N, C-alpha and C. Protein backbone atom coordinates (compact mmCIF):
# COMPACT_ATOMS: atom_id res chain seq x y z
N MET A 1 23.96 13.94 66.52
CA MET A 1 24.01 12.61 66.64
C MET A 1 25.42 11.95 67.07
N ALA A 2 25.22 10.82 67.63
CA ALA A 2 26.55 10.43 68.43
C ALA A 2 27.28 9.69 67.12
N ASN A 3 28.81 9.82 67.55
CA ASN A 3 29.71 9.39 66.24
C ASN A 3 29.45 7.51 66.46
N GLN A 4 30.06 7.12 65.37
CA GLN A 4 29.95 5.58 65.45
C GLN A 4 30.47 4.76 66.63
N ASN A 5 31.40 5.16 67.14
CA ASN A 5 31.92 4.37 68.59
C ASN A 5 31.18 4.92 69.54
N GLN A 6 30.02 5.61 69.75
CA GLN A 6 29.30 6.14 70.79
C GLN A 6 27.96 6.09 70.61
N THR A 7 27.19 5.30 71.59
CA THR A 7 25.69 5.38 71.26
C THR A 7 25.09 6.46 72.19
N ARG A 8 23.91 7.25 71.84
CA ARG A 8 23.29 8.03 72.65
C ARG A 8 22.68 7.21 73.64
N SER A 9 22.36 8.02 74.79
CA SER A 9 21.81 7.54 75.83
C SER A 9 19.83 7.54 75.72
N LEU A 10 19.29 6.51 76.07
CA LEU A 10 17.72 6.69 75.48
C LEU A 10 17.37 7.60 76.30
N SER A 11 17.62 8.80 76.98
CA SER A 11 17.21 9.60 77.36
C SER A 11 17.20 10.80 76.39
N ALA A 12 18.43 10.67 75.91
CA ALA A 12 18.83 11.91 74.80
C ALA A 12 17.90 11.50 73.71
N ILE A 13 17.80 10.40 73.26
CA ILE A 13 17.09 9.72 71.99
C ILE A 13 15.46 10.70 72.31
N ALA A 14 15.13 10.04 73.38
CA ALA A 14 13.68 10.70 73.72
C ALA A 14 13.63 12.02 73.61
N ALA A 15 14.42 12.90 74.03
CA ALA A 15 14.41 14.26 74.04
C ALA A 15 14.58 14.57 72.39
N ASP A 16 15.22 13.95 71.77
CA ASP A 16 15.13 14.34 70.24
C ASP A 16 13.79 13.78 69.49
N ILE A 17 13.25 12.82 70.25
CA ILE A 17 12.08 12.27 69.60
C ILE A 17 10.83 13.46 69.83
N ARG A 18 10.92 13.93 71.14
CA ARG A 18 10.04 14.91 71.67
C ARG A 18 10.25 16.36 70.66
N ALA A 19 11.29 16.59 70.17
CA ALA A 19 11.73 17.90 69.46
C ALA A 19 11.24 17.79 68.07
N HIS A 20 11.16 16.58 67.50
CA HIS A 20 10.74 16.22 66.22
C HIS A 20 9.50 15.64 65.81
N TRP A 21 8.84 15.30 67.22
CA TRP A 21 7.41 14.54 66.88
C TRP A 21 6.42 15.59 68.01
N PRO A 22 6.04 16.73 67.52
CA PRO A 22 5.35 17.43 68.23
C PRO A 22 3.95 16.70 68.82
N ARG A 23 3.42 15.89 68.17
CA ARG A 23 2.06 15.33 68.53
C ARG A 23 2.22 13.94 68.54
N VAL A 24 2.94 13.22 69.54
CA VAL A 24 3.30 12.00 69.91
C VAL A 24 2.03 11.04 69.92
N TYR A 25 1.80 9.94 69.19
CA TYR A 25 0.73 9.35 69.24
C TYR A 25 0.60 8.64 70.62
N PHE A 26 -0.95 8.55 71.18
CA PHE A 26 -0.86 8.50 72.58
C PHE A 26 -0.57 7.18 73.09
N GLY A 27 -0.60 6.00 72.11
CA GLY A 27 0.02 4.94 72.48
C GLY A 27 1.52 4.47 72.69
N ALA A 28 2.29 5.59 72.04
CA ALA A 28 3.86 5.75 72.37
C ALA A 28 4.16 6.65 73.62
N VAL A 29 3.03 7.45 74.02
CA VAL A 29 3.74 8.43 74.78
C VAL A 29 4.14 7.81 76.24
N PRO A 30 3.52 6.66 76.86
CA PRO A 30 4.09 6.10 78.04
C PRO A 30 5.49 5.32 78.01
N TYR A 31 5.92 4.94 76.45
CA TYR A 31 7.01 4.28 76.33
C TYR A 31 8.11 5.46 76.11
N LEU A 32 7.71 6.47 75.42
CA LEU A 32 8.57 7.72 75.42
C LEU A 32 8.98 8.19 76.69
N GLU A 33 8.20 8.31 77.58
CA GLU A 33 8.28 8.79 78.95
C GLU A 33 9.37 7.91 79.60
N ALA A 34 9.03 6.69 79.38
CA ALA A 34 9.97 5.60 79.87
C ALA A 34 11.48 5.83 79.49
N MET A 35 11.41 5.94 78.12
CA MET A 35 12.71 6.23 77.69
C MET A 35 13.54 7.20 78.04
N GLY A 36 12.62 8.14 78.37
CA GLY A 36 13.32 9.36 79.25
C GLY A 36 13.90 9.27 80.27
N THR A 37 13.77 8.46 81.18
CA THR A 37 14.75 7.81 82.45
C THR A 37 15.57 7.04 82.03
N LEU A 38 15.93 6.26 81.02
CA LEU A 38 16.80 5.38 80.82
C LEU A 38 17.88 5.74 80.08
N GLU A 39 19.17 5.05 80.29
CA GLU A 39 20.47 5.53 79.71
C GLU A 39 20.53 4.20 78.51
N HIS A 40 20.40 3.17 78.88
CA HIS A 40 20.65 2.22 78.36
C HIS A 40 19.57 1.02 77.90
N VAL A 41 19.48 0.42 76.88
CA VAL A 41 18.48 -0.80 76.75
C VAL A 41 18.69 -1.83 77.65
N SER A 42 19.98 -1.91 78.69
CA SER A 42 20.06 -2.90 79.24
C SER A 42 19.77 -2.54 80.66
N ASP A 43 19.04 -1.22 80.88
CA ASP A 43 18.34 -0.85 82.13
C ASP A 43 16.83 -1.13 82.28
N SER A 44 16.52 -0.98 83.48
CA SER A 44 15.14 -1.30 83.56
C SER A 44 14.13 -0.20 83.86
N TYR A 45 13.01 -0.22 83.57
CA TYR A 45 11.96 0.75 84.12
C TYR A 45 10.79 0.12 84.54
N GLY A 46 10.88 0.37 86.26
CA GLY A 46 10.18 -0.61 87.12
C GLY A 46 10.63 -1.95 86.78
N LEU A 47 9.64 -2.90 86.32
CA LEU A 47 9.86 -4.29 86.15
C LEU A 47 10.02 -4.67 84.79
N ASP A 48 9.96 -3.62 83.72
CA ASP A 48 10.09 -4.02 82.33
C ASP A 48 11.73 -3.65 81.95
N PRO A 49 12.04 -4.58 81.46
CA PRO A 49 13.44 -4.22 80.46
C PRO A 49 13.46 -3.34 79.66
N GLY A 50 14.49 -2.29 79.53
CA GLY A 50 14.66 -1.18 78.45
C GLY A 50 14.65 -1.64 77.11
N ASP A 51 15.00 -2.71 76.47
CA ASP A 51 14.87 -3.10 75.33
C ASP A 51 13.17 -3.59 75.12
N HIS A 52 12.60 -3.77 76.09
CA HIS A 52 10.81 -4.20 75.71
C HIS A 52 10.49 -2.66 75.58
N ILE A 53 10.89 -1.79 76.35
CA ILE A 53 10.50 -0.52 76.50
C ILE A 53 10.61 0.25 74.86
N VAL A 54 11.97 -0.10 74.35
CA VAL A 54 12.09 0.50 72.85
C VAL A 54 11.34 -0.10 72.00
N ARG A 55 11.28 -1.45 72.23
CA ARG A 55 10.33 -2.57 70.97
C ARG A 55 9.00 -1.99 71.33
N TYR A 56 8.50 -1.66 72.27
CA TYR A 56 6.88 -1.10 72.46
C TYR A 56 6.67 0.32 72.05
N PHE A 57 7.81 1.03 72.25
CA PHE A 57 7.93 2.43 71.45
C PHE A 57 7.77 2.03 70.15
N LEU A 58 8.84 1.51 69.46
CA LEU A 58 8.79 1.18 67.83
C LEU A 58 7.48 0.75 67.71
N SER A 59 6.78 -0.24 67.91
CA SER A 59 5.48 -0.46 67.40
C SER A 59 4.44 0.34 67.56
N ASN A 60 4.54 1.30 68.55
CA ASN A 60 3.43 2.44 68.73
C ASN A 60 3.77 3.67 67.84
N ALA A 61 4.89 3.75 67.41
CA ALA A 61 5.42 4.72 66.63
C ALA A 61 5.27 4.61 65.11
N SER A 62 4.45 3.86 64.59
CA SER A 62 4.72 3.52 63.02
C SER A 62 3.93 4.86 62.34
N ALA A 63 3.04 5.32 63.12
CA ALA A 63 2.62 6.70 62.25
C ALA A 63 3.76 7.96 62.30
N TRP A 64 4.68 7.66 62.75
CA TRP A 64 5.68 8.97 62.88
C TRP A 64 6.45 8.66 61.53
N ARG A 65 6.33 9.53 60.81
CA ARG A 65 7.34 9.50 59.43
C ARG A 65 8.34 10.69 59.14
N GLY A 66 8.81 10.36 58.27
CA GLY A 66 9.87 11.74 57.84
C GLY A 66 11.16 11.36 58.03
N GLU A 67 12.07 12.15 57.87
CA GLU A 67 13.57 12.07 57.75
C GLU A 67 14.13 11.71 59.19
N HIS A 68 13.53 12.30 60.27
CA HIS A 68 14.00 12.29 61.58
C HIS A 68 13.51 11.20 62.24
N ALA A 69 12.23 10.63 61.80
CA ALA A 69 11.76 9.21 62.27
C ALA A 69 12.56 8.21 61.97
N ARG A 70 12.89 8.29 60.58
CA ARG A 70 13.66 7.09 59.94
C ARG A 70 14.93 6.86 60.44
N ARG A 71 15.68 8.20 60.97
CA ARG A 71 17.04 8.21 61.63
C ARG A 71 16.74 7.60 62.89
N ILE A 72 16.17 8.27 63.66
CA ILE A 72 15.99 7.78 65.25
C ILE A 72 15.36 6.27 65.33
N LYS A 73 14.55 5.72 64.49
CA LYS A 73 14.18 4.52 64.55
C LYS A 73 15.01 3.47 64.26
N ALA A 74 15.93 3.86 63.09
CA ALA A 74 17.29 3.03 62.93
C ALA A 74 18.07 3.05 64.21
N GLU A 75 18.32 4.26 64.74
CA GLU A 75 19.39 4.18 65.63
C GLU A 75 18.92 3.51 67.02
N LEU A 76 17.39 3.69 67.15
CA LEU A 76 16.98 2.46 68.28
C LEU A 76 17.04 1.17 67.92
N ARG A 77 16.77 0.91 66.64
CA ARG A 77 16.77 -0.79 66.39
C ARG A 77 18.01 -1.18 66.40
N GLU A 78 19.12 -0.31 66.17
CA GLU A 78 20.72 -0.95 66.33
C GLU A 78 21.07 -1.19 67.55
N MET A 79 20.17 -0.67 68.55
CA MET A 79 20.30 -0.86 70.07
C MET A 79 20.02 -2.16 70.67
N LEU A 80 18.94 -2.60 70.02
CA LEU A 80 18.36 -3.62 70.29
C LEU A 80 18.92 -5.12 70.23
N PRO A 81 19.18 -5.85 71.35
CA PRO A 81 19.65 -7.21 71.11
C PRO A 81 18.68 -8.10 70.53
N TYR A 82 19.27 -8.97 69.36
CA TYR A 82 18.43 -9.78 68.71
C TYR A 82 18.61 -11.30 68.97
């Protein structure tokens, strides 16, 4: 995991999700794939802003539970502008 002064890229987080969520919920798959191509939430995937991609992923990842899920979801939420 990144230290407190550095955030991981969305593509690194997406790889971590794939490593810890072997059967990704089908609704989360397109957003996970999009995150795999992004570095920051300020980047875009086509016409979709990166922060929207992350929000859509999180809303479709509610079935993913456990220690890794809590840690990674919290990391993603911290990256979002409010």
